[in-house]
Amino acid sequence: FFHTPTEVAEGKAPTGRTFRIGGMVEGGSIKRDSDGITVRFAITDTARSIPVSYKGPLPDLFKEGKGAVVQGALGPDGNFAASEVLAKHDENYMPPEAQDAIDKAHKTAATVQQ
């Protein structure tokens, strides 16, 4: 299943079950924990943002302000524990609905910045 950050924030995504969130990596949100393995960031559709934590190497194309899809589970605290992170234009498959959400987020961000 795939959800936008707004759908997740509005409680439309299952807690404790695996699903995907697609959007943009929020600017200024990427932080690395002192363990050197855990990365925390926010994924946004420009309307809402979801905090994400991920343990592992990130794709080369993963950057703030760029499209990404995270797969994992939403915890009761509202934090999304990702088991997989895909960057836009990654060689891994990105579902069409995820690409649509990323494209909409980019358009909204461009409109807001003008």
PDB file of N, CA and C in Angstrom:
ATOM      1  N   PHE A   1       0.826  -1.189   0.000  1.00  0.00           N
ATOM      2  CA  PHE A   1       0.000   0.000   0.000  1.00  0.00           C
ATOM      3  C   PHE A   1       0.868   1.249   0.000  1.00  0.00           C
ATOM      4  N   PHE A   2       0.350   2.320  -0.570  1.00  0.00           N
ATOM      5  CA  PHE A   2       1.080   3.572  -0.698  1.00  0.00           C
ATOM      6  C   PHE A   2       0.235   4.709  -0.140  1.00  0.00           C
ATOM      7  N   HIS A   3       0.876   5.613   0.602  1.00  0.00           N
ATOM      8  CA  HIS A   3       0.181   6.767   1.171  1.00  0.00           C
ATOM      9  C   HIS A   3       1.029   8.027   1.011  1.00  0.00           C
ATOM     10  N   THR A   4       0.363   9.171   0.970  1.00  0.00           N
ATOM     11  CA  THR A   4       1.058  10.458   0.980  1.00  0.00           C
ATOM     12  C   THR A   4       1.279  10.869   2.437  1.00  0.00           C
ATOM     13  N   PRO A   5       2.212  11.792   2.698  1.00  0.00           N
ATOM     14  CA  PRO A   5       2.386  12.283   4.067  1.00  0.00           C
ATOM     15  C   PRO A   5       1.093  12.856   4.663  1.00  0.00           C
ATOM     16  N   THR A   6       0.286  13.532   3.856  1.00  0.00           N
ATOM     17  CA  THR A   6      -0.976  14.079   4.358  1.00  0.00           C
ATOM     18  C   THR A   6      -1.911  12.964   4.813  1.00  0.00           C
ATOM     19  N   GLU A   7      -2.018  11.896   4.022  1.00  0.00           N
ATOM     20  CA  GLU A   7      -2.875  10.766   4.410  1.00  0.00           C
ATOM     21  C   GLU A   7      -2.397  10.150   5.719  1.00  0.00           C
ATOM     22  N   VAL A   8      -1.082  10.017   5.867  1.00  0.00           N
ATOM     23  CA  VAL A   8      -0.522   9.445   7.099  1.00  0.00           C
ATOM     24  C   VAL A   8      -0.836  10.360   8.279  1.00  0.00           C
ATOM     25  N   ALA A   9      -0.614  11.667   8.107  1.00  0.00           N
ATOM     26  CA  ALA A   9      -0.855  12.632   9.183  1.00  0.00           C
ATOM     27  C   ALA A   9      -2.330  12.672   9.587  1.00  0.00           C
ATOM     28  N   GLU A  10      -3.212  12.393   8.634  1.00  0.00           N
ATOM     29  CA  GLU A  10      -4.650  12.407   8.913  1.00  0.00           C
ATOM     30  C   GLU A  10      -5.170  11.070   9.428  1.00  0.00           C
ATOM     31  N   GLY A  11      -4.255  10.129   9.705  1.00  0.00           N
ATOM     32  CA  GLY A  11      -4.657   8.845  10.274  1.00  0.00           C
ATOM     33  C   GLY A  11      -5.226   7.852   9.284  1.00  0.00           C
ATOM     34  N   LYS A  12      -4.973   8.062   7.987  1.00  0.00           N
ATOM     35  CA  LYS A  12      -5.523   7.168   6.967  1.00  0.00           C
ATOM     36  C   LYS A  12      -4.605   5.988   6.653  1.00  0.00           C
ATOM     37  N   ALA A  13      -3.463   5.890   7.336  1.00  0.00           N
ATOM     38  CA  ALA A  13      -2.518   4.795   7.110  1.00  0.00           C
ATOM     39  C   ALA A  13      -2.530   3.870   8.327  1.00  0.00           C
ATOM     40  N   PRO A  14      -2.274   2.583   8.109  1.00  0.00           N
ATOM     41  CA  PRO A  14      -2.312   1.633   9.225  1.00  0.00           C
ATOM     42  C   PRO A  14      -1.113   1.784  10.157  1.00  0.00           C
ATOM     43  N   THR A  15      -1.348   1.699  11.456  1.00  0.00           N
ATOM     44  CA  THR A  15      -0.257   1.719  12.430  1.00  0.00           C
ATOM     45  C   THR A  15       0.250   0.295  12.607  1.00  0.00           C
ATOM     46  N   GLY A  16       1.563   0.123  12.589  1.00  0.00           N
ATOM     47  CA  GLY A  16       2.148  -1.188  12.833  1.00  0.00           C
ATOM     48  C   GLY A  16       2.149  -2.135  11.649  1.00  0.00           C
ATOM     49  N   ARG A  17       1.671  -1.684  10.473  1.00  0.00           N
ATOM     50  CA  ARG A  17       1.701  -2.523   9.276  1.00  0.00           C
ATOM     51  C   ARG A  17       2.577  -1.859   8.231  1.00  0.00           C
ATOM     52  N   THR A  18       3.201  -2.668   7.391  1.00  0.00           N
ATOM     53  CA  THR A  18       4.116  -2.151   6.376  1.00  0.00           C
ATOM     54  C   THR A  18       3.354  -1.464   5.241  1.00  0.00           C
ATOM     55  N   PHE A  19       3.823  -0.267   4.887  1.00  0.00           N
ATOM     56  CA  PHE A  19       3.294   0.457   3.732  1.00  0.00           C
ATOM     57  C   PHE A  19       4.363   1.434   3.256  1.00  0.00           C
ATOM     58  N   ARG A  20       4.077   2.126   2.174  1.00  0.00           N
ATOM     59  CA  ARG A  20       5.023   3.097   1.606  1.00  0.00           C
ATOM     60  C   ARG A  20       4.469   4.505   1.705  1.00  0.00           C
ATOM     61  N   ILE A  21       5.389   5.455   1.901  1.00  0.00           N
ATOM     62  CA  ILE A  21       5.063   6.881   1.852  1.00  0.00           C
ATOM     63  C   ILE A  21       5.934   7.485   0.756  1.00  0.00           C
ATOM     64  N   GLY A  22       5.346   8.314  -0.085  1.00  0.00           N
ATOM     65  CA  GLY A  22       6.105   8.984  -1.132  1.00  0.00           C
ATOM     66  C   GLY A  22       5.968  10.487  -1.023  1.00  0.00           C
ATOM     67  N   GLY A  23       7.037  11.182  -1.336  1.00  0.00           N
ATOM     68  CA  GLY A  23       7.027  12.640  -1.314  1.00  0.00           C
ATOM     69  C   GLY A  23       8.428  13.166  -1.536  1.00  0.00           C
ATOM     70  N   MET A  24       8.720  14.315  -0.943  1.00  0.00           N
ATOM     71  CA  MET A  24      10.053  14.903  -1.046  1.00  0.00           C
ATOM     72  C   MET A  24      10.724  14.860   0.316  1.00  0.00           C
ATOM     73  N   VAL A  25      12.051  14.753   0.290  1.00  0.00           N
ATOM     74  CA  VAL A  25      12.822  14.832   1.527  1.00  0.00           C
ATOM     75  C   VAL A  25      12.831  16.303   1.937  1.00  0.00           C
ATOM     76  N   GLU A  26      12.325  16.587   3.123  1.00  0.00           N
ATOM     77  CA  GLU A  26      12.188  17.967   3.583  1.00  0.00           C
ATOM     78  C   GLU A  26      13.557  18.612   3.778  1.00  0.00           C
ATOM     79  N   GLY A  27      13.707  19.830   3.261  1.00  0.00           N
ATOM     80  CA  GLY A  27      14.956  20.574   3.394  1.00  0.00           C
ATOM     81  C   GLY A  27      15.340  20.783   4.845  1.00  0.00           C
ATOM     82  N   GLY A  28      16.605  20.560   5.173  1.00  0.00           N
ATOM     83  CA  GLY A  28      17.106  20.768   6.525  1.00  0.00           C
ATOM     84  C   GLY A  28      16.738  19.679   7.511  1.00  0.00           C
ATOM     85  N   SER A  29      16.130  18.593   7.032  1.00  0.00           N
ATOM     86  CA  SER A  29      15.636  17.572   7.963  1.00  0.00           C
ATOM     87  C   SER A  29      16.568  16.376   8.155  1.00  0.00           C
ATOM     88  N   ILE A  30      17.578  16.213   7.307  1.00  0.00           N
ATOM     89  CA  ILE A  30      18.431  15.018   7.412  1.00  0.00           C
ATOM     90  C   ILE A  30      19.410  15.166   8.571  1.00  0.00           C
ATOM     91  N   LYS A  31      19.312  14.225   9.519  1.00  0.00           N
ATOM     92  CA  LYS A  31      20.205  14.201  10.689  1.00  0.00           C
ATOM     93  C   LYS A  31      20.705  12.778  10.889  1.00  0.00           C
ATOM     94  N   ARG A  32      21.983  12.646  11.226  1.00  0.00           N
ATOM     95  CA  ARG A  32      22.548  11.324  11.516  1.00  0.00           C
ATOM     96  C   ARG A  32      22.740  11.173  13.014  1.00  0.00           C
ATOM     97  N   ASP A  33      22.317  10.020  13.545  1.00  0.00           N
ATOM     98  CA  ASP A  33      22.517   9.735  14.963  1.00  0.00           C
ATOM     99  C   ASP A  33      23.995   9.471  15.234  1.00  0.00           C
ATOM    100  N   SER A  34      24.373   9.534  16.507  1.00  0.00           N
ATOM    101  CA  SER A  34      25.776   9.335  16.890  1.00  0.00           C
ATOM    102  C   SER A  34      26.262   7.915  16.612  1.00  0.00           C
ATOM    103  N   ASP A  35      25.333   6.957  16.409  1.00  0.00           N
ATOM    104  CA  ASP A  35      25.763   5.583  16.101  1.00  0.00           C
ATOM    105  C   ASP A  35      26.315   5.463  14.682  1.00  0.00           C
ATOM    106  N   GLY A  36      26.137   6.509  13.857  1.00  0.00           N
ATOM    107  CA  GLY A  36      26.655   6.501  12.498  1.00  0.00           C
ATOM    108  C   GLY A  36      25.849   5.645  11.535  1.00  0.00           C
ATOM    109  N   ILE A  37      24.806   4.993  12.029  1.00  0.00           N
ATOM    110  CA  ILE A  37      24.003   4.089  11.205  1.00  0.00           C
ATOM    111  C   ILE A  37      22.596   4.640  10.981  1.00  0.00           C
ATOM    112  N   THR A  38      22.015   5.209  12.029  1.00  0.00           N
ATOM    113  CA  THR A  38      20.631   5.684  11.964  1.00  0.00           C
ATOM    114  C   THR A  38      20.563   7.084  11.363  1.00  0.00           C
ATOM    115  N   VAL A  39      19.675   7.246  10.395  1.00  0.00           N
ATOM    116  CA  VAL A  39      19.439   8.541   9.764  1.00  0.00           C
ATOM    117  C   VAL A  39      17.989   8.920  10.034  1.00  0.00           C
ATOM    118  N   ARG A  40      17.777  10.176  10.406  1.00  0.00           N
ATOM    119  CA  ARG A  40      16.422  10.687  10.628  1.00  0.00           C
ATOM    120  C   ARG A  40      16.185  11.828   9.636  1.00  0.00           C
ATOM    121  N   PHE A  41      14.993  11.849   9.066  1.00  0.00           N
ATOM    122  CA  PHE A  41      14.627  12.903   8.121  1.00  0.00           C
ATOM    123  C   PHE A  41      13.107  12.970   8.072  1.00  0.00           C
ATOM    124  N   ALA A  42      12.594  13.944   7.354  1.00  0.00           N
ATOM    125  CA  ALA A  42      11.147  14.064   7.183  1.00  0.00           C
ATOM    126  C   ALA A  42      10.810  13.939   5.708  1.00  0.00           C
ATOM    127  N   ILE A  43       9.709  13.263   5.434  1.00  0.00           N
ATOM    128  CA  ILE A  43       9.210  13.164   4.065  1.00  0.00           C
ATOM    129  C   ILE A  43       7.945  14.021   4.002  1.00  0.00           C
ATOM    130  N   THR A  44       7.839  14.848   2.968  1.00  0.00           N
ATOM    131  CA  THR A  44       6.751  15.822   2.906  1.00  0.00           C
ATOM    132  C   THR A  44       6.076  15.826   1.544  1.00  0.00           C
ATOM    133  N   ASP A  45       4.812  16.225   1.536  1.00  0.00           N
ATOM    134  CA  ASP A  45       4.111  16.506   0.281  1.00  0.00           C
ATOM    135  C   ASP A  45       3.836  18.008   0.202  1.00  0.00           C
ATOM    136  N   THR A  46       4.559  18.771   0.976  1.00  0.00           N
ATOM    137  CA  THR A  46       4.520  20.229   1.165  1.00  0.00           C
ATOM    138  C   THR A  46       3.356  20.675   2.046  1.00  0.00           C
ATOM    139  N   ALA A  47       2.337  19.825   2.218  1.00  0.00           N
ATOM    140  CA  ALA A  47       1.232  20.157   3.115  1.00  0.00           C
ATOM    141  C   ALA A  47       1.518  19.612   4.511  1.00  0.00           C
ATOM    142  N   ARG A  48       1.998  18.376   4.587  1.00  0.00           N
ATOM    143  CA  ARG A  48       2.293  17.720   5.860  1.00  0.00           C
ATOM    144  C   ARG A  48       3.632  17.003   5.745  1.00  0.00           C
ATOM    145  N   SER A  49       4.272  16.787   6.891  1.00  0.00           N
ATOM    146  CA  SER A  49       5.554  16.074   6.941  1.00  0.00           C
ATOM    147  C   SER A  49       5.468  14.938   7.945  1.00  0.00           C
ATOM    148  N   ILE A  50       6.157  13.852   7.639  1.00  0.00           N
ATOM    149  CA  ILE A  50       6.203  12.694   8.527  1.00  0.00           C
ATOM    150  C   ILE A  50       7.661  12.436   8.908  1.00  0.00           C
ATOM    151  N   PRO A  51       7.960  12.341  10.224  1.00  0.00           N
ATOM    152  CA  PRO A  51       9.324  12.014  10.639  1.00  0.00           C
ATOM    153  C   PRO A  51       9.638  10.547  10.340  1.00  0.00           C
ATOM    154  N   VAL A  52      10.831  10.313   9.792  1.00  0.00           N
ATOM    155  CA  VAL A  52      11.255   8.969   9.391  1.00  0.00           C
ATOM    156  C   VAL A  52      12.591   8.659  10.045  1.00  0.00           C
ATOM    157  N   SER A  53      12.765   7.411  10.482  1.00  0.00           N
ATOM    158  CA  SER A  53      14.085   6.948  10.914  1.00  0.00           C
ATOM    159  C   SER A  53      14.435   5.724  10.077  1.00  0.00           C
ATOM    160  N   TYR A  54      15.709   5.608   9.741  1.00  0.00           N
ATOM    161  CA  TYR A  54      16.174   4.521   8.879  1.00  0.00           C
ATOM    162  C   TYR A  54      17.575   4.126   9.300  1.00  0.00           C
ATOM    163  N   LYS A  55      17.810   2.825   9.427  1.00  0.00           N
ATOM    164  CA  LYS A  55      19.147   2.317   9.744  1.00  0.00           C
ATOM    165  C   LYS A  55      19.704   1.663   8.492  1.00  0.00           C
ATOM    166  N   GLY A  56      20.792   2.221   7.981  1.00  0.00           N
ATOM    167  CA  GLY A  56      21.406   1.631   6.802  1.00  0.00           C
ATOM    168  C   GLY A  56      21.894   2.685   5.835  1.00  0.00           C
ATOM    169  N   PRO A  57      22.531   2.221   4.761  1.00  0.00           N
ATOM    170  CA  PRO A  57      23.043   3.160   3.754  1.00  0.00           C
ATOM    171  C   PRO A  57      21.903   3.736   2.915  1.00  0.00           C
ATOM    172  N   LEU A  58      22.013   5.016   2.614  1.00  0.00           N
ATOM    173  CA  LEU A  58      21.005   5.684   1.786  1.00  0.00           C
ATOM    174  C   LEU A  58      21.406   5.613   0.317  1.00  0.00           C
ATOM    175  N   PRO A  59      20.431   5.642  -0.596  1.00  0.00           N
ATOM    176  CA  PRO A  59      20.760   5.660  -2.026  1.00  0.00           C
ATOM    177  C   PRO A  59      21.578   6.904  -2.381  1.00  0.00           C
ATOM    178  N   ASP A  60      22.422   6.786  -3.393  1.00  0.00           N
ATOM    179  CA  ASP A  60      23.266   7.911  -3.823  1.00  0.00           C
ATOM    180  C   ASP A  60      22.447   9.146  -4.182  1.00  0.00           C
ATOM    181  N   LEU A  61      21.267   8.955  -4.751  1.00  0.00           N
ATOM    182  CA  LEU A  61      20.446  10.079  -5.208  1.00  0.00           C
ATOM    183  C   LEU A  61      19.556  10.660  -4.113  1.00  0.00           C
ATOM    184  N   PHE A  62      19.673  10.165  -2.873  1.00  0.00           N
ATOM    185  CA  PHE A  62      18.867  10.646  -1.754  1.00  0.00           C
ATOM    186  C   PHE A  62      19.403  11.994  -1.301  1.00  0.00           C
ATOM    187  N   LYS A  63      18.578  13.047  -1.451  1.00  0.00           N
ATOM    188  CA  LYS A  63      18.994  14.405  -1.081  1.00  0.00           C
ATOM    189  C   LYS A  63      17.779  15.198  -0.624  1.00  0.00           C
ATOM    190  N   GLU A  64      18.038  16.232   0.177  1.00  0.00           N
ATOM    191  CA  GLU A  64      16.966  17.135   0.597  1.00  0.00           C
ATOM    192  C   GLU A  64      16.362  17.811  -0.629  1.00  0.00           C
ATOM    193  N   GLY A  65      15.042  17.945  -0.629  1.00  0.00           N
ATOM    194  CA  GLY A  65      14.350  18.586  -1.733  1.00  0.00           C
ATOM    195  C   GLY A  65      14.117  17.689  -2.928  1.00  0.00           C
ATOM    196  N   LYS A  66      14.533  16.431  -2.837  1.00  0.00           N
ATOM    197  CA  LYS A  66      14.357  15.481  -3.941  1.00  0.00           C
ATOM    198  C   LYS A  66      13.306  14.446  -3.567  1.00  0.00           C
ATOM    199  N   GLY A  67      12.754  13.796  -4.578  1.00  0.00           N
ATOM    200  CA  GLY A  67      11.725  12.793  -4.365  1.00  0.00           C
ATOM    201  C   GLY A  67      12.273  11.525  -3.746  1.00  0.00           C
ATOM    202  N   ALA A  68      11.462  10.904  -2.893  1.00  0.00           N
ATOM    203  CA  ALA A  68      11.838   9.640  -2.262  1.00  0.00           C
ATOM    204  C   ALA A  68      10.584   8.866  -1.878  1.00  0.00           C
ATOM    205  N   VAL A  69      10.756   7.559  -1.773  1.00  0.00           N
ATOM    206  CA  VAL A  69       9.716   6.679  -1.254  1.00  0.00           C
ATOM    207  C   VAL A  69      10.342   5.883  -0.124  1.00  0.00           C
ATOM    208  N   VAL A  70       9.645   5.816   1.012  1.00  0.00           N
ATOM    209  CA  VAL A  70      10.125   5.025   2.147  1.00  0.00           C
ATOM    210  C   VAL A  70       9.121   3.913   2.412  1.00  0.00           C
ATOM    211  N   GLN A  71       9.643   2.738   2.707  1.00  0.00           N
ATOM    212  CA  GLN A  71       8.783   1.609   3.058  1.00  0.00           C
ATOM    213  C   GLN A  71       9.094   1.206   4.479  1.00  0.00           C
ATOM    214  N   GLY A  72       8.057   0.957   5.261  1.00  0.00           N
ATOM    215  CA  GLY A  72       8.247   0.571   6.646  1.00  0.00           C
ATOM    216  C   GLY A  72       6.926   0.602   7.376  1.00  0.00           C
ATOM    217  N   ALA A  73       6.995   0.908   8.682  1.00  0.00           N
ATOM    218  CA  ALA A  73       5.786   0.904   9.503  1.00  0.00           C
ATOM    219  C   ALA A  73       5.732   2.152  10.370  1.00  0.00           C
ATOM    220  N   LEU A  74       4.523   2.624  10.606  1.00  0.00           N
ATOM    221  CA  LEU A  74       4.282   3.795  11.443  1.00  0.00           C
ATOM    222  C   LEU A  74       4.143   3.346  12.887  1.00  0.00           C
ATOM    223  N   GLY A  75       4.931   3.958  13.766  1.00  0.00           N
ATOM    224  CA  GLY A  75       4.852   3.630  15.183  1.00  0.00           C
ATOM    225  C   GLY A  75       3.738   4.403  15.859  1.00  0.00           C
ATOM    226  N   PRO A  76       3.372   3.999  17.080  1.00  0.00           N
ATOM    227  CA  PRO A  76       2.308   4.685  17.812  1.00  0.00           C
ATOM    228  C   PRO A  76       2.653   6.141  18.134  1.00  0.00           C
ATOM    229  N   ASP A  77       3.961   6.477  18.097  1.00  0.00           N
ATOM    230  CA  ASP A  77       4.408   7.847  18.371  1.00  0.00           C
ATOM    231  C   ASP A  77       4.352   8.740  17.137  1.00  0.00           C
ATOM    232  N   GLY A  78       3.923   8.180  15.989  1.00  0.00           N
ATOM    233  CA  GLY A  78       3.840   8.964  14.761  1.00  0.00           C
ATOM    234  C   GLY A  78       5.113   8.983  13.950  1.00  0.00           C
ATOM    235  N   ASN A  79       6.169   8.323  14.447  1.00  0.00           N
ATOM    236  CA  ASN A  79       7.413   8.218  13.685  1.00  0.00           C
ATOM    237  C   ASN A  79       7.342   7.000  12.772  1.00  0.00           C
ATOM    238  N   PHE A  80       7.854   7.158  11.554  1.00  0.00           N
ATOM    239  CA  PHE A  80       7.848   6.088  10.567  1.00  0.00           C
ATOM    240  C   PHE A  80       9.204   5.402  10.588  1.00  0.00           C
ATOM    241  N   ALA A  81       9.220   4.114  10.911  1.00  0.00           N
ATOM    242  CA  ALA A  81      10.462   3.334  10.921  1.00  0.00           C
ATOM    243  C   ALA A  81      10.609   2.685   9.553  1.00  0.00           C
ATOM    244  N   ALA A  82      11.519   3.219   8.745  1.00  0.00           N
ATOM    245  CA  ALA A  82      11.688   2.734   7.377  1.00  0.00           C
ATOM    246  C   ALA A  82      12.606   1.519   7.339  1.00  0.00           C
ATOM    247  N   SER A  83      12.209   0.531   6.543  1.00  0.00           N
ATOM    248  CA  SER A  83      13.061  -0.629   6.301  1.00  0.00           C
ATOM    249  C   SER A  83      13.732  -0.511   4.935  1.00  0.00           C
ATOM    250  N   GLU A  84      13.221   0.407   4.103  1.00  0.00           N
ATOM    251  CA  GLU A  84      13.780   0.630   2.768  1.00  0.00           C
ATOM    252  C   GLU A  84      13.572   2.085   2.372  1.00  0.00           C
ATOM    253  N   VAL A  85      14.572   2.660   1.707  1.00  0.00           N
ATOM    254  CA  VAL A  85      14.488   4.031   1.199  1.00  0.00           C
ATOM    255  C   VAL A  85      14.849   4.001  -0.282  1.00  0.00           C
ATOM    256  N   LEU A  86      13.967   4.533  -1.117  1.00  0.00           N
ATOM    257  CA  LEU A  86      14.221   4.634  -2.554  1.00  0.00           C
ATOM    258  C   LEU A  86      14.261   6.105  -2.939  1.00  0.00           C
ATOM    259  N   ALA A  87      15.259   6.482  -3.711  1.00  0.00           N
ATOM    260  CA  ALA A  87      15.354   7.854  -4.203  1.00  0.00           C
ATOM    261  C   ALA A  87      14.725   7.925  -5.587  1.00  0.00           C
ATOM    262  N   LYS A  88      14.167   9.090  -5.922  1.00  0.00           N
ATOM    263  CA  LYS A  88      13.629   9.278  -7.267  1.00  0.00           C
ATOM    264  C   LYS A  88      14.757   9.049  -8.266  1.00  0.00           C
ATOM    265  N   HIS A  89      14.445   8.388  -9.351  1.00  0.00           N
ATOM    266  CA  HIS A  89      15.409   8.022 -10.396  1.00  0.00           C
ATOM    267  C   HIS A  89      16.357   6.930  -9.933  1.00  0.00           C
ATOM    268  N   ASP A  90      16.032   6.286  -8.796  1.00  0.00           N
ATOM    269  CA  ASP A  90      16.811   5.140  -8.349  1.00  0.00           C
ATOM    270  C   ASP A  90      16.594   4.020  -9.362  1.00  0.00           C
ATOM    271  N   GLU A  91      17.544   3.093  -9.445  1.00  0.00           N
ATOM    272  CA  GLU A  91      17.376   1.992 -10.383  1.00  0.00           C
ATOM    273  C   GLU A  91      16.300   1.013  -9.905  1.00  0.00           C
ATOM    274  N   ASN A  92      15.931   1.100  -8.624  1.00  0.00           N
ATOM    275  CA  ASN A  92      14.862   0.249  -8.101  1.00  0.00           C
ATOM    276  C   ASN A  92      13.512   0.769  -8.581  1.00  0.00           C
ATOM    277  N   TYR A  93      12.542  -0.108  -8.640  1.00  0.00           N
ATOM    278  CA  TYR A  93      11.205   0.240  -9.128  1.00  0.00           C
ATOM    279  C   TYR A  93      10.502   1.220  -8.194  1.00  0.00           C
ATOM    280  N   MET A  94       9.885   2.226  -8.779  1.00  0.00           N
ATOM    281  CA  MET A  94       9.064   3.160  -8.015  1.00  0.00           C
ATOM    282  C   MET A  94       7.640   3.072  -8.562  1.00  0.00           C
ATOM    283  N   PRO A  95       6.656   2.758  -7.689  1.00  0.00           N
ATOM    284  CA  PRO A  95       5.285   2.633  -8.177  1.00  0.00           C
ATOM    285  C   PRO A  95       4.769   3.938  -8.775  1.00  0.00           C
ATOM    286  N   PRO A  96       3.915   3.852  -9.801  1.00  0.00           N
ATOM    287  CA  PRO A  96       3.399   5.067 -10.457  1.00  0.00           C
ATOM    288  C   PRO A  96       2.724   6.031  -9.488  1.00  0.00           C
ATOM    289  N   GLU A  97       1.977   5.502  -8.499  1.00  0.00           N
ATOM    290  CA  GLU A  97       1.299   6.395  -7.561  1.00  0.00           C
ATOM    291  C   GLU A  97       2.305   7.153  -6.700  1.00  0.00           C
ATOM    292  N   ALA A  98       3.453   6.546  -6.426  1.00  0.00           N
ATOM    293  CA  ALA A  98       4.504   7.236  -5.676  1.00  0.00           C
ATOM    294  C   ALA A  98       5.090   8.356  -6.530  1.00  0.00           C
ATOM    295  N   GLN A  99       5.334   8.070  -7.797  1.00  0.00           N
ATOM    296  CA  GLN A  99       5.865   9.081  -8.706  1.00  0.00           C
ATOM    297  C   GLN A  99       4.886  10.241  -8.834  1.00  0.00           C
ATOM    298  N   ASP A 100       3.585   9.946  -8.906  1.00  0.00           N
ATOM    299  CA  ASP A 100       2.569  11.001  -8.989  1.00  0.00           C
ATOM    300  C   ASP A 100       2.612  11.902  -7.762  1.00  0.00           C
ATOM    301  N   ALA A 101       2.738  11.301  -6.573  1.00  0.00           N
ATOM    302  CA  ALA A 101       2.780  12.085  -5.330  1.00  0.00           C
ATOM    303  C   ALA A 101       4.017  12.976  -5.300  1.00  0.00           C
ATOM    304  N   ILE A 102       5.147  12.442  -5.745  1.00  0.00           N
ATOM    305  CA  ILE A 102       6.389  13.223  -5.777  1.00  0.00           C
ATOM    306  C   ILE A 102       6.250  14.384  -6.759  1.00  0.00           C
ATOM    307  N   ASP A 103       5.691  14.104  -7.935  1.00  0.00           N
ATOM    308  CA  ASP A 103       5.506  15.162  -8.931  1.00  0.00           C
ATOM    309  C   ASP A 103       4.589  16.268  -8.400  1.00  0.00           C
ATOM    310  N   LYS A 104       3.504  15.890  -7.710  1.00  0.00           N
ATOM    311  CA  LYS A 104       2.587  16.883  -7.136  1.00  0.00           C
ATOM    312  C   LYS A 104       3.290  17.711  -6.067  1.00  0.00           C
ATOM    313  N   ALA A 105       4.097  17.064  -5.238  1.00  0.00           N
ATOM    314  CA  ALA A 105       4.824  17.781  -4.185  1.00  0.00           C
ATOM    315  C   ALA A 105       5.790  18.788  -4.799  1.00  0.00           C
ATOM    316  N   HIS A 106       6.489  18.397  -5.873  1.00  0.00           N
ATOM    317  CA  HIS A 106       7.409  19.321  -6.552  1.00  0.00           C
ATOM    318  C   HIS A 106       6.652  20.518  -7.126  1.00  0.00           C
ATOM    319  N   LYS A 107       5.492  20.269  -7.740  1.00  0.00           N
ATOM    320  CA  LYS A 107       4.700  21.360  -8.317  1.00  0.00           C
ATOM    321  C   LYS A 107       4.220  22.314  -7.230  1.00  0.00           C
ATOM    322  N   THR A 108       3.753  21.758  -6.105  1.00  0.00           N
ATOM    323  CA  THR A 108       3.282  22.590  -4.997  1.00  0.00           C
ATOM    324  C   THR A 108       4.428  23.422  -4.442  1.00  0.00           C
ATOM    325  N   ALA A 109       5.595  22.801  -4.274  1.00  0.00           N
ATOM    326  CA  ALA A 109       6.765  23.517  -3.751  1.00  0.00           C
ATOM    327  C   ALA A 109       7.160  24.644  -4.699  1.00  0.00           C
ATOM    328  N   ALA A 110       7.115  24.388  -5.996  1.00  0.00           N
ATOM    329  CA  ALA A 110       7.476  25.412  -6.980  1.00  0.00           C
ATOM    330  C   ALA A 110       6.497  26.577  -6.923  1.00  0.00           C
ATOM    331  N   THR A 111       5.220  26.285  -6.728  1.00  0.00           N
ATOM    332  CA  THR A 111       4.194  27.327  -6.635  1.00  0.00           C
ATOM    333  C   THR A 111       4.398  28.167  -5.383  1.00  0.00           C
ATOM    334  N   VAL A 112       4.705  27.517  -4.269  1.00  0.00           N
ATOM    335  CA  VAL A 112       4.905  28.209  -2.992  1.00  0.00           C
ATOM    336  C   VAL A 112       6.128  29.124  -3.062  1.00  0.00           C
ATOM    337  N   GLN A 113       7.172  28.701  -3.772  1.00  0.00           N
ATOM    338  CA  GLN A 113       8.423  29.467  -3.829  1.00  0.00           C
ATOM    339  C   GLN A 113       8.340  30.677  -4.745  1.00  0.00           C
ATOM    340  N   GLN A 114       7.346  30.759  -5.608  1.00  0.00           N
ATOM    341  CA  GLN A 114       7.261  31.872  -6.561  1.00  0.00           C
ATOM    342  C   GLN A 114       6.770  33.140  -5.912  1.00  0.00           C
TER     343      GLN A 114
END
